[in-house]
C-alpha atoms as a PDB file:
ATOM      1  CA  MET A   1      14.301  35.175 -52.993  1.00  0.00           C
ATOM      2  CA  GLN A   2      17.853  36.222 -53.692  1.00  0.00           C
ATOM      3  CA  ARG A   3      18.702  37.373 -57.222  1.00  0.00           C
ATOM      4  CA  LEU A   4      22.108  37.609 -58.772  1.00  0.00           C
ATOM      5  CA  ALA A   5      23.847  40.860 -59.519  1.00  0.00           C
ATOM      6  CA  ALA A   6      23.613  42.234 -63.032  1.00  0.00           C
ATOM      7  CA  GLY A   7      25.875  40.611 -65.568  1.00  0.00           C
ATOM      8  CA  PRO A   8      25.671  38.058 -68.388  1.00  0.00           C
ATOM      9  CA  VAL A   9      24.713  35.209 -66.078  1.00  0.00           C
ATOM     10  CA  GLY A  10      22.604  37.327 -63.761  1.00  0.00           C
ATOM     11  CA  ARG A  11      20.565  38.756 -66.637  1.00  0.00           C
ATOM     12  CA  ALA A  12      20.072  35.374 -68.219  1.00  0.00           C
ATOM     13  CA  ALA A  13      18.195  33.617 -65.449  1.00  0.00           C
ATOM     14  CA  VAL A  14      16.558  33.996 -62.098  1.00  0.00           C
ATOM     15  CA  ALA A  15      18.437  32.078 -59.415  1.00  0.00           C
ATOM     16  CA  LEU A  16      16.231  29.531 -57.710  1.00  0.00           C
ATOM     17  CA  PRO A  17      16.297  28.134 -54.181  1.00  0.00           C
ATOM     18  CA  LEU A  18      18.137  24.862 -54.141  1.00  0.00           C
ATOM     19  CA  ILE A  19      16.310  22.841 -51.569  1.00  0.00           C
ATOM     20  CA  GLY A  20      12.978  22.628 -49.854  1.00  0.00           C
ATOM     21  CA  ALA A  21      12.130  21.967 -46.239  1.00  0.00           C
ATOM     22  CA  LEU A  22      13.959  18.955 -44.872  1.00  0.00           C
ATOM     23  CA  ALA A  23      13.097  16.351 -42.298  1.00  0.00           C
ATOM     24  CA  VAL A  24      16.482  14.886 -41.475  1.00  0.00           C
ATOM     25  CA  GLY A  25      16.664  12.137 -38.898  1.00  0.00           C
ATOM     26  CA  ALA A  26      19.838  11.125 -37.138  1.00  0.00           C
ATOM     27  CA  TRP A  27      21.856   8.181 -38.382  1.00  0.00           C
ATOM     28  CA  MET A  28      22.545   5.177 -36.253  1.00  0.00           C
ATOM     29  CA  ILE A  29      25.511   2.929 -36.993  1.00  0.00           C
ATOM     30  CA  VAL A  30      24.455  -0.671 -37.462  1.00  0.00           C
ATOM     31  CA  ASP A  31      26.761  -3.639 -37.951  1.00  0.00           C
ATOM     32  CA  ALA A  32      29.836  -1.437 -37.678  1.00  0.00           C
ATOM     33  CA  GLY A  33      31.969  -4.140 -36.143  1.00  0.00           C
ATOM     34  CA  ARG A  34      32.670  -6.177 -39.244  1.00  0.00           C
ATOM     35  CA  SER A  35      36.384  -6.043 -39.880  1.00  0.00           C
ATOM     36  CA  GLY A  36      37.292  -4.300 -43.108  1.00  0.00           C
ATOM     37  CA  SER A  37      33.719  -3.375 -43.977  1.00  0.00           C
ATOM     38  CA  GLU A  38      32.276   0.071 -44.465  1.00  0.00           C
ATOM     39  CA  PRO A  39      30.044   1.115 -41.553  1.00  0.00           C
ATOM     40  CA  GLN A  40      26.375   0.738 -42.393  1.00  0.00           C
ATOM     41  CA  VAL A  41      23.945   3.510 -41.574  1.00  0.00           C
ATOM     42  CA  GLN A  42      20.211   3.766 -41.300  1.00  0.00           C
ATOM     43  CA  ALA A  43      17.960   6.777 -40.937  1.00  0.00           C
ATOM     44  CA  LEU A  44      15.889   7.363 -37.855  1.00  0.00           C
ATOM     45  CA  PRO A  45      12.584   9.175 -38.217  1.00  0.00           C
ATOM     46  CA  ALA A  46      12.872  12.908 -37.735  1.00  0.00           C
ATOM     47  CA  GLY A  47      11.546  13.795 -34.332  1.00  0.00           C
ATOM     48  CA  GLY A  48      12.116  11.325 -31.543  1.00  0.00           C
ATOM     49  CA  GLY A  49      15.589  12.152 -30.386  1.00  0.00           C
ATOM     50  CA  ALA A  50      16.655  13.403 -33.805  1.00  0.00           C
ATOM     51  CA  VAL A  51      17.846  16.855 -34.728  1.00  0.00           C
ATOM     52  CA  PRO A  52      15.284  19.412 -35.918  1.00  0.00           C
ATOM     53  CA  ALA A  53      14.741  19.956 -39.615  1.00  0.00           C
ATOM     54  CA  PRO A  54      17.290  22.247 -41.286  1.00  0.00           C
ATOM     55  CA  PRO A  55      16.091  25.565 -42.684  1.00  0.00           C
ATOM     56  CA  SER A  56      13.808  25.698 -45.666  1.00  0.00           C
ATOM     57  CA  THR A  57      16.279  26.863 -48.322  1.00  0.00           C
ATOM     58  CA  LEU A  58      19.953  26.632 -49.019  1.00  0.00           C
ATOM     59  CA  GLU A  59      21.969  29.570 -50.259  1.00  0.00           C
ATOM     60  CA  THR A  60      20.934  30.448 -53.786  1.00  0.00           C
ATOM     61  CA  PRO A  61      23.552  29.297 -56.314  1.00  0.00           C
ATOM     62  CA  ALA A  62      24.820  31.192 -59.300  1.00  0.00           C
ATOM     63  CA  ALA A  63      22.313  30.271 -61.988  1.00  0.00           C
ATOM     64  CA  ALA A  64      23.140  28.441 -65.174  1.00  0.00           C
ATOM     65  CA  PRO A  65      23.170  30.893 -68.087  1.00  0.00           C
ATOM     66  CA  ALA A  66      20.481  30.737 -70.719  1.00  0.00           C
ATOM     67  CA  ALA A  67      21.374  28.787 -73.840  1.00  0.00           C
ATOM     68  CA  GLU A  68      22.131  31.260 -76.605  1.00  0.00           C
ATOM     69  CA  ALA A  69      23.721  30.834 -80.000  1.00  0.00           C
ATOM     70  CA  ALA A  70      27.357  31.958 -79.942  1.00  0.00           C
ATOM     71  CA  PRO A  71      29.044  33.852 -82.773  1.00  0.00           C
ATOM     72  CA  ALA A  72      31.418  31.795 -84.858  1.00  0.00           C
ATOM     73  CA  GLN A  73      34.740  31.083 -83.132  1.00  0.00           C
ATOM     74  CA  GLN A  74      33.469  32.593 -79.885  1.00  0.00           C
ATOM     75  CA  PRO A  75      32.770  30.537 -76.763  1.00  0.00           C
ATOM     76  CA  SER A  76      29.146  30.427 -75.720  1.00  0.00           C
ATOM     77  CA  GLU A  77      27.954  31.984 -72.501  1.00  0.00           C
ATOM     78  CA  LEU A  78      27.582  28.470 -71.112  1.00  0.00           C
ATOM     79  CA  ASP A  79      31.196  27.686 -72.022  1.00  0.00           C
ATOM     80  CA  VAL A  80      32.449  30.838 -70.300  1.00  0.00           C
ATOM     81  CA  TRP A  81      30.350  30.106 -67.214  1.00  0.00           C
ATOM     82  CA  ALA A  82      31.640  26.538 -66.964  1.00  0.00           C
ATOM     83  CA  GLN A  83      35.248  27.582 -67.553  1.00  0.00           C
ATOM     84  CA  ARG A  84      34.984  30.125 -64.732  1.00  0.00           C
ATOM     85  CA  LEU A  85      33.536  27.716 -62.164  1.00  0.00           C
ATOM     86  CA  ALA A  86      34.960  24.296 -63.053  1.00  0.00           C
ATOM     87  CA  GLY A  87      38.278  24.826 -61.281  1.00  0.00           C
ATOM     88  CA  PRO A  88      36.994  26.419 -58.074  1.00  0.00           C
ATOM     89  CA  LEU A  89      34.207  23.848 -57.747  1.00  0.00           C
ATOM     90  CA  ASP A  90      36.527  20.957 -58.664  1.00  0.00           C
ATOM     91  CA  ILE A  91      34.006  19.696 -61.216  1.00  0.00           C
ATOM     92  CA  PRO A  92      35.107  18.733 -64.750  1.00  0.00           C
ATOM     93  CA  GLU A  93      34.010  21.389 -67.210  1.00  0.00           C
ATOM     94  CA  SER A  94      32.096  18.876 -69.324  1.00  0.00           C
ATOM     95  CA  SER A  95      30.226  17.645 -66.250  1.00  0.00           C
ATOM     96  CA  LEU A  96      29.385  21.164 -65.151  1.00  0.00           C
ATOM     97  CA  LYS A  97      27.946  21.930 -68.579  1.00  0.00           C
ATOM     98  CA  ALA A  98      25.883  18.732 -68.420  1.00  0.00           C
ATOM     99  CA  TYR A  99      24.407  19.805 -65.075  1.00  0.00           C
ATOM    100  CA  ALA A 100      23.625  23.268 -66.448  1.00  0.00           C
ATOM    101  CA  ALA A 101      22.057  21.743 -69.554  1.00  0.00           C
ATOM    102  CA  GLY A 102      19.916  19.569 -67.300  1.00  0.00           C
ATOM    103  CA  GLU A 103      18.661  22.620 -65.438  1.00  0.00           C
ATOM    104  CA  LEU A 104      17.956  24.506 -68.660  1.00  0.00           C
ATOM    105  CA  ALA A 105      16.045  21.585 -70.154  1.00  0.00           C
ATOM    106  CA  MET A 106      13.954  21.111 -67.032  1.00  0.00           C
ATOM    107  CA  ARG A 107      13.096  24.811 -66.955  1.00  0.00           C
ATOM    108  CA  GLN A 108      11.301  24.153 -70.230  1.00  0.00           C
ATOM    109  CA  GLU A 109       9.858  20.736 -69.390  1.00  0.00           C
ATOM    110  CA  ARG A 110       8.930  21.304 -65.755  1.00  0.00           C
ATOM    111  CA  PRO A 111       9.345  24.933 -64.702  1.00  0.00           C
ATOM    112  CA  ASP A 112       7.311  24.255 -61.556  1.00  0.00           C
ATOM    113  CA  CYS A 113       9.937  21.723 -60.373  1.00  0.00           C
ATOM    114  CA  HIS A 114      12.645  24.378 -59.839  1.00  0.00           C
ATOM    115  CA  LEU A 115      15.545  22.014 -60.447  1.00  0.00           C
ATOM    116  CA  THR A 116      18.979  23.679 -60.330  1.00  0.00           C
ATOM    117  CA  TRP A 117      22.356  22.585 -61.608  1.00  0.00           C
ATOM    118  CA  VAL A 118      23.581  22.635 -58.008  1.00  0.00           C
ATOM    119  CA  THR A 119      21.247  19.790 -57.076  1.00  0.00           C
ATOM    120  CA  LEU A 120      22.465  17.778 -60.063  1.00  0.00           C
ATOM    121  CA  ALA A 121      26.099  18.519 -59.210  1.00  0.00           C
ATOM    122  CA  GLY A 122      25.623  17.461 -55.589  1.00  0.00           C
ATOM    123  CA  LEU A 123      24.061  14.204 -56.734  1.00  0.00           C
ATOM    124  CA  GLY A 124      26.793  13.677 -59.320  1.00  0.00           C
ATOM    125  CA  LYS A 125      29.538  14.113 -56.748  1.00  0.00           C
ATOM    126  CA  ALA A 126      27.842  11.765 -54.294  1.00  0.00           C
ATOM    127  CA  ALA A 127      27.152   9.134 -56.951  1.00  0.00           C
ATOM    128  CA  ASP A 128      30.458   8.720 -58.758  1.00  0.00           C
ATOM    129  CA  ASP A 129      32.551  11.894 -58.504  1.00  0.00           C
ATOM    130  CA  HIS A 130      30.868  13.338 -61.618  1.00  0.00           C
ATOM    131  CA  ARG A 131      31.730  10.450 -63.948  1.00  0.00           C
ATOM    132  CA  GLY A 132      28.061   9.915 -64.776  1.00  0.00           C
ATOM    133  CA  ALA A 133      27.220  13.551 -65.496  1.00  0.00           C
ATOM    134  CA  ALA A 134      25.988  12.656 -68.968  1.00  0.00           C
ATOM    135  CA  ASP A 135      22.903  11.219 -67.249  1.00  0.00           C
ATOM    136  CA  ALA A 136      22.083  14.519 -65.536  1.00  0.00           C
ATOM    137  CA  LEU A 137      18.944  15.172 -67.568  1.00  0.00           C
ATOM    138  CA  ALA A 138      17.575  11.703 -66.826  1.00  0.00           C
ATOM    139  CA  THR A 139      18.271  12.293 -63.145  1.00  0.00           C
ATOM    140  CA  GLY A 140      16.492  15.632 -63.331  1.00  0.00           C
ATOM    141  CA  ARG A 141      13.432  14.049 -64.893  1.00  0.00           C
ATOM    142  CA  LYS A 142      13.365  11.442 -62.144  1.00  0.00           C
ATOM    143  CA  LEU A 143      13.619  14.116 -59.462  1.00  0.00           C
ATOM    144  CA  CYS A 144      10.831  16.164 -61.017  1.00  0.00           C
ATOM    145  CA  ALA A 145       8.425  13.266 -61.524  1.00  0.00           C
ATOM    146  CA  LYS A 146       5.000  13.265 -59.884  1.00  0.00           C
ATOM    147  CA  GLY A 147       4.743  17.025 -59.623  1.00  0.00           C
ATOM    148  CA  VAL A 148       7.416  17.550 -56.974  1.00  0.00           C
ATOM    149  CA  ASP A 149       8.575  21.111 -56.271  1.00  0.00           C
ATOM    150  CA  LEU A 150      12.244  21.053 -55.279  1.00  0.00           C
ATOM    151  CA  ALA A 151      11.996  24.629 -54.021  1.00  0.00           C
ATOM    152  CA  GLY A 152       9.237  23.614 -51.640  1.00  0.00           C
ATOM    153  CA  GLY A 153       9.146  20.654 -49.311  1.00  0.00           C
ATOM    154  CA  GLY A 154      10.006  17.973 -51.826  1.00  0.00           C
ATOM    155  CA  TRP A 155      13.802  18.171 -52.145  1.00  0.00           C
ATOM    156  CA  TRP A 156      14.843  15.825 -49.349  1.00  0.00           C
ATOM    157  CA  LYS A 157      12.346  13.099 -50.262  1.00  0.00           C
ATOM    158  CA  ALA A 158      13.070  13.395 -53.985  1.00  0.00           C
ATOM    159  CA  VAL A 159      16.828  13.098 -53.492  1.00  0.00           C
ATOM    160  CA  GLY A 160      16.269  10.113 -51.228  1.00  0.00           C
ATOM    161  CA  GLY A 161      14.400   8.464 -54.083  1.00  0.00           C
ATOM    162  CA  VAL A 162      17.483   8.512 -56.311  1.00  0.00           C
ATOM    163  CA  ARG A 163      19.060   5.815 -54.130  1.00  0.00           C
ATOM    164  CA  PRO A 164      16.386   4.636 -51.704  1.00  0.00           C
ATOM    165  CA  GLY A 165      17.715   3.756 -48.276  1.00  0.00           C
ATOM    166  CA  ASP A 166      21.206   5.147 -48.892  1.00  0.00           C
ATOM    167  CA  GLU A 167      21.438   7.884 -46.275  1.00  0.00           C
ATOM    168  CA  ARG A 168      25.149   8.453 -46.815  1.00  0.00           C
ATOM    169  CA  PHE A 169      24.458   9.247 -50.474  1.00  0.00           C
ATOM    170  CA  ARG A 170      21.672  11.663 -49.626  1.00  0.00           C
ATOM    171  CA  GLN A 171      23.706  13.481 -46.980  1.00  0.00           C
ATOM    172  CA  ARG A 172      26.748  13.749 -49.242  1.00  0.00           C
ATOM    173  CA  ALA A 173      24.540  15.138 -52.012  1.00  0.00           C
ATOM    174  CA  LEU A 174      23.177  17.753 -49.614  1.00  0.00           C
ATOM    175  CA  GLY A 175      26.614  18.717 -48.330  1.00  0.00           C
ATOM    176  CA  HIS A 176      28.271  19.069 -51.710  1.00  0.00           C
ATOM    177  CA  ALA A 177      25.281  20.917 -53.158  1.00  0.00           C
ATOM    178  CA  GLN A 178      25.545  23.464 -50.349  1.00  0.00           C
ATOM    179  CA  LEU A 179      29.286  23.846 -50.920  1.00  0.00           C
ATOM    180  CA  TYR A 180      28.812  24.316 -54.674  1.00  0.00           C
ATOM    181  CA  ALA A 181      26.078  26.899 -54.106  1.00  0.00           C
ATOM    182  CA  THR A 182      28.344  28.903 -51.814  1.00  0.00           C
ATOM    183  CA  LEU A 183      31.446  28.679 -54.000  1.00  0.00           C
ATOM    184  CA  SER A 184      29.558  29.513 -57.188  1.00  0.00           C
ATOM    185  CA  LEU A 185      28.861  32.936 -55.698  1.00  0.00           C
ATOM    186  CA  ASP A 186      32.439  33.461 -54.494  1.00  0.00           C
ATOM    187  CA  PRO A 187      34.780  31.154 -56.452  1.00  0.00           C
ATOM    188  CA  ALA A 188      37.890  32.965 -55.195  1.00  0.00           C
ATOM    189  CA  ARG A 189      37.384  31.235 -51.822  1.00  0.00           C
ATOM    190  CA  ALA A 190      38.004  27.780 -53.268  1.00  0.00           C
ATOM    191  CA  GLY A 191      41.627  27.500 -52.150  1.00  0.00           C
ATOM    192  CA  THR A 192      41.149  28.817 -48.629  1.00  0.00           C
ATOM    193  CA  PRO A 193      41.752  26.655 -45.545  1.00  0.00           C
ATOM    194  CA  ALA A 194      38.056  26.901 -44.670  1.00  0.00           C
ATOM    195  CA  VAL A 195      37.003  25.334 -47.972  1.00  0.00           C
ATOM    196  CA  ARG A 196      39.735  22.702 -47.850  1.00  0.00           C
ATOM    197  CA  ALA A 197      38.675  21.745 -44.326  1.00  0.00           C
ATOM    198  CA  THR A 198      35.036  21.597 -45.413  1.00  0.00           C
ATOM    199  CA  ARG A 199      35.848  19.286 -48.316  1.00  0.00           C
ATOM    200  CA  PHE A 200      37.735  16.990 -45.940  1.00  0.00           C
ATOM    201  CA  ALA A 201      34.807  16.886 -43.521  1.00  0.00           C
ATOM    202  CA  LEU A 202      32.338  16.124 -46.315  1.00  0.00           C
ATOM    203  CA  ASP A 203      34.464  13.158 -47.347  1.00  0.00           C
ATOM    204  CA  GLN A 204      34.088  11.677 -43.856  1.00  0.00           C
ATOM    205  CA  ILE A 205      30.276  11.560 -43.904  1.00  0.00           C
ATOM    206  CA  GLY A 206      29.106   8.079 -42.972  1.00  0.00           C
ATOM    207  CA  LEU A 207      32.121   7.124 -40.865  1.00  0.00           C
ATOM    208  CA  PRO A 208      31.188   6.157 -37.295  1.00  0.00           C
ATOM    209  CA  TYR A 209      31.589   8.285 -34.213  1.00  0.00           C
ATOM    210  CA  VAL A 210      34.509   6.876 -32.214  1.00  0.00           C
ATOM    211  CA  TRP A 211      35.311   8.421 -28.829  1.00  0.00           C
ATOM    212  CA  GLY A 212      38.899   9.673 -28.993  1.00  0.00           C
ATOM    213  CA  GLY A 213      39.021   8.726 -32.680  1.00  0.00           C
ATOM    214  CA  ASN A 214      41.358  10.535 -35.048  1.00  0.00           C
ATOM    215  CA  GLY A 215      40.204   8.812 -38.220  1.00  0.00           C
ATOM    216  CA  PRO A 216      41.273   5.930 -40.455  1.00  0.00           C
ATOM    217  CA  GLU A 217      44.711   7.377 -41.171  1.00  0.00           C
ATOM    218  CA  ALA A 218      45.397   7.246 -37.421  1.00  0.00           C
ATOM    219  CA  GLY A 219      44.102   3.697 -37.073  1.00  0.00           C
ATOM    220  CA  ALA A 220      40.558   4.469 -35.886  1.00  0.00           C
ATOM    221  CA  ALA A 221      37.345   3.559 -37.680  1.00  0.00           C
ATOM    222  CA  GLY A 222      36.103   7.123 -37.355  1.00  0.00           C
ATOM    223  CA  PHE A 223      36.295  10.360 -35.391  1.00  0.00           C
ATOM    224  CA  ASP A 224      34.879  12.027 -32.356  1.00  0.00           C
ATOM    225  CA  CYS A 225      33.647  15.600 -32.722  1.00  0.00           C
ATOM    226  CA  SER A 226      36.915  17.434 -32.105  1.00  0.00           C
ATOM    227  CA  GLY A 227      38.964  14.747 -33.818  1.00  0.00           C
ATOM    228  CA  LEU A 228      37.002  15.500 -36.991  1.00  0.00           C
ATOM    229  CA  THR A 229      37.455  19.266 -36.804  1.00  0.00           C
ATOM    230  CA  LYS A 230      41.152  18.956 -35.974  1.00  0.00           C
ATOM    231  CA  ALA A 231      41.768  16.512 -38.839  1.00  0.00           C
ATOM    232  CA  ALA A 232      39.813  18.734 -41.231  1.00  0.00           C
ATOM    233  CA  TYR A 233      41.993  21.737 -40.468  1.00  0.00           C
ATOM    234  CA  ASP A 234      45.165  19.646 -40.323  1.00  0.00           C
ATOM    235  CA  SER A 235      44.388  18.725 -43.951  1.00  0.00           C
ATOM    236  CA  ALA A 236      44.286  22.451 -44.724  1.00  0.00           C
ATOM    237  CA  GLY A 237      47.583  23.195 -42.968  1.00  0.00           C
ATOM    238  CA  VAL A 238      46.041  24.809 -39.880  1.00  0.00           C
ATOM    239  CA  ALA A 239      46.905  23.333 -36.468  1.00  0.00           C
ATOM    240  CA  LEU A 240      44.202  23.123 -33.802  1.00  0.00           C
ATOM    241  CA  PRO A 241      44.236  21.742 -30.251  1.00  0.00           C
ATOM    242  CA  ARG A 242      42.691  18.294 -29.835  1.00  0.00           C
ATOM    243  CA  THR A 243      39.558  18.734 -27.708  1.00  0.00           C
ATOM    244  CA  ALA A 244      36.404  20.787 -28.218  1.00  0.00           C
ATOM    245  CA  ASP A 245      37.156  22.781 -25.069  1.00  0.00           C
ATOM    246  CA  THR A 246      40.738  23.626 -26.027  1.00  0.00           C
ATOM    247  CA  GLN A 247      39.714  24.466 -29.595  1.00  0.00           C
ATOM    248  CA  TYR A 248      37.117  26.877 -28.220  1.00  0.00           C
ATOM    249  CA  ARG A 249      39.661  28.604 -25.998  1.00  0.00           C
ATOM    250  CA  ALA A 250      42.214  28.866 -28.815  1.00  0.00           C
ATOM    251  CA  LEU A 251      39.902  30.850 -31.119  1.00  0.00           C
ATOM    252  CA  ARG A 252      38.274  34.253 -31.029  1.00  0.00           C
ATOM    253  CA  ILE A 253      34.627  33.474 -30.365  1.00  0.00           C
ATOM    254  CA  GLY A 254      31.745  35.640 -31.476  1.00  0.00           C
ATOM    255  CA  VAL A 255      31.905  35.773 -35.263  1.00  0.00           C
ATOM    256  CA  GLU A 256      28.754  35.100 -37.253  1.00  0.00           C
ATOM    257  CA  PRO A 257      29.373  31.550 -38.501  1.00  0.00           C
ATOM    258  CA  GLY A 258      30.464  31.158 -42.100  1.00  0.00           C
ATOM    259  CA  LEU A 259      31.667  28.283 -44.234  1.00  0.00           C
ATOM    260  CA  GLY A 260      34.321  26.286 -42.373  1.00  0.00           C
ATOM    261  CA  ASP A 261      33.923  28.029 -39.018  1.00  0.00           C
ATOM    262  CA  LEU A 262      33.732  25.901 -35.884  1.00  0.00           C
ATOM    263  CA  VAL A 263      30.510  25.979 -33.861  1.00  0.00           C
ATOM    264  CA  PHE A 264      30.692  25.054 -30.179  1.00  0.00           C
ATOM    265  CA  TYR A 265      28.345  23.752 -27.479  1.00  0.00           C
ATOM    266  CA  GLY A 266      28.620  23.720 -23.695  1.00  0.00           C
ATOM    267  CA  ASN A 267      29.235  26.147 -20.863  1.00  0.00           C
ATOM    268  CA  PRO A 268      32.167  28.497 -21.540  1.00  0.00           C
ATOM    269  CA  GLY A 269      32.642  28.918 -17.798  1.00  0.00           C
ATOM    270  CA  THR A 270      33.174  25.220 -17.212  1.00  0.00           C
ATOM    271  CA  ARG A 271      33.514  22.980 -20.261  1.00  0.00           C
ATOM    272  CA  ILE A 272      32.768  22.959 -23.993  1.00  0.00           C
ATOM    273  CA  HIS A 273      31.653  19.430 -24.828  1.00  0.00           C
ATOM    274  CA  HIS A 274      30.897  19.468 -28.578  1.00  0.00           C
ATOM    275  CA  VAL A 275      32.074  21.086 -31.810  1.00  0.00           C
ATOM    276  CA  GLY A 276      30.988  20.949 -35.437  1.00  0.00           C
ATOM    277  CA  LEU A 277      32.117  22.510 -38.720  1.00  0.00           C
ATOM    278  CA  TYR A 278      29.693  25.041 -40.180  1.00  0.00           C
ATOM    279  CA  LEU A 279      28.596  24.277 -43.738  1.00  0.00           C
ATOM    280  CA  GLY A 280      26.366  27.256 -44.384  1.00  0.00           C
ATOM    281  CA  ASN A 281      22.714  28.194 -44.212  1.00  0.00           C
ATOM    282  CA  GLY A 282      22.212  26.826 -40.727  1.00  0.00           C
ATOM    283  CA  LEU A 283      23.866  23.451 -41.338  1.00  0.00           C
ATOM    284  CA  MET A 284      26.958  21.848 -39.813  1.00  0.00           C
ATOM    285  CA  ILE A 285      28.974  18.667 -40.328  1.00  0.00           C
ATOM    286  CA  ASN A 286      29.655  16.864 -37.073  1.00  0.00           C
ATOM    287  CA  ALA A 287      30.368  13.586 -35.327  1.00  0.00           C
ATOM    288  CA  PRO A 288      27.371  13.626 -32.958  1.00  0.00           C
ATOM    289  CA  THR A 289      27.724  10.850 -30.399  1.00  0.00           C
ATOM    290  CA  GLN A 290      28.362   7.148 -29.864  1.00  0.00           C
ATOM    291  CA  GLY A 291      26.382   4.984 -32.273  1.00  0.00           C
ATOM    292  CA  GLN A 292      25.813   7.689 -34.886  1.00  0.00           C
ATOM    293  CA  ALA A 293      27.562   8.403 -38.155  1.00  0.00           C
ATOM    294  CA  ILE A 294      29.311  11.627 -39.110  1.00  0.00           C
ATOM    295  CA  GLN A 295      26.507  13.630 -40.677  1.00  0.00           C
ATOM    296  CA  ILE A 296      24.911  16.995 -41.404  1.00  0.00           C
ATOM    297  CA  HIS A 297      22.694  18.580 -38.750  1.00  0.00           C
ATOM    298  CA  SER A 298      21.124  21.937 -38.074  1.00  0.00           C
ATOM    299  CA  TYR A 299      23.588  23.826 -35.926  1.00  0.00           C
ATOM    300  CA  ARG A 300      20.867  25.354 -33.725  1.00  0.00           C
ATOM    301  CA  ARG A 301      17.783  23.950 -32.065  1.00  0.00           C
ATOM    302  CA  ALA A 302      15.455  25.088 -29.307  1.00  0.00           C
ATOM    303  CA  GLY A 303      16.998  24.779 -25.869  1.00  0.00           C
ATOM    304  CA  ASP A 304      20.510  23.944 -27.069  1.00  0.00           C
ATOM    305  CA  ASP A 305      23.669  25.048 -25.264  1.00  0.00           C
ATOM    306  CA  TYR A 306      25.271  26.777 -28.227  1.00  0.00           C
ATOM    307  CA  ALA A 307      28.339  28.690 -27.057  1.00  0.00           C
ATOM    308  CA  GLY A 308      29.368  30.536 -30.223  1.00  0.00           C
ATOM    309  CA  SER A 309      31.578  30.114 -33.259  1.00  0.00           C
ATOM    310  CA  GLY A 310      35.227  30.698 -34.064  1.00  0.00           C
ATOM    311  CA  ARG A 311      37.260  31.014 -37.260  1.00  0.00           C
ATOM    312  CA  PRO A 312      40.462  28.940 -37.386  1.00  0.00           C
ATOM    313  CA  ALA A 313      41.772  30.676 -40.523  1.00  0.00           C
END
């Protein structure tokens, strides 16, 4: 288990894994043809034709500091922690403190649950862009009910229970939680093109795959794989070619994938046929194929034709 470096926050708490083993099925678009309506999605069982389960843990987030009494007229350690991260994470300071307070309370009530503020923040973003953060403790208690261990295999099922049947919500919670975990350890990256592109891609989760699609702003209901990655980096001020193959040939391939890097599939000698945007810890955001929604997948699986990764900026 990763621990934080020494320092006020690092000394105050042991950082916990964010998420347990997942069983993520693919999404199929259903009833996507209704004019003016949001595409509906449903989960397929993991296994038959679906992507393999993502890895067992996400990157360990910076832990919430322990609650300690602050000297008069001095900000508490929690205040300093929230002030440092609120801007880079794009979470209101009051909401961030509510998520941290939820973690701290659940450490006392249910230490075996291993709830982190990152899980609560991911859920809060997916639910209402953090407007309901005051309910973080109630959400934590719901997640930790029935003896679930969020650091084991219970995270994916428990998060699904917050809004049963809403796969877009669960995937957005996963994606934003991963982003917050990564940025909490390196907040200086928040303004980089890679992070801006990642935020754009996360916002597209649930839109349908559309062959040749460049997204709603271009008059399409959704994106294809390279349309998504191009639009994501366009939003960050970085120009990319349009197709997966031309994007591959425009970048230096061979870097170990990091947040915002592009991951490619196909035969470099003939044609690259697919691209996704790496989210971290073995996960990518991608527009998979006709009939499926934009979603988070593992970026590797047995027998795939992975061709490498490249860094646009």
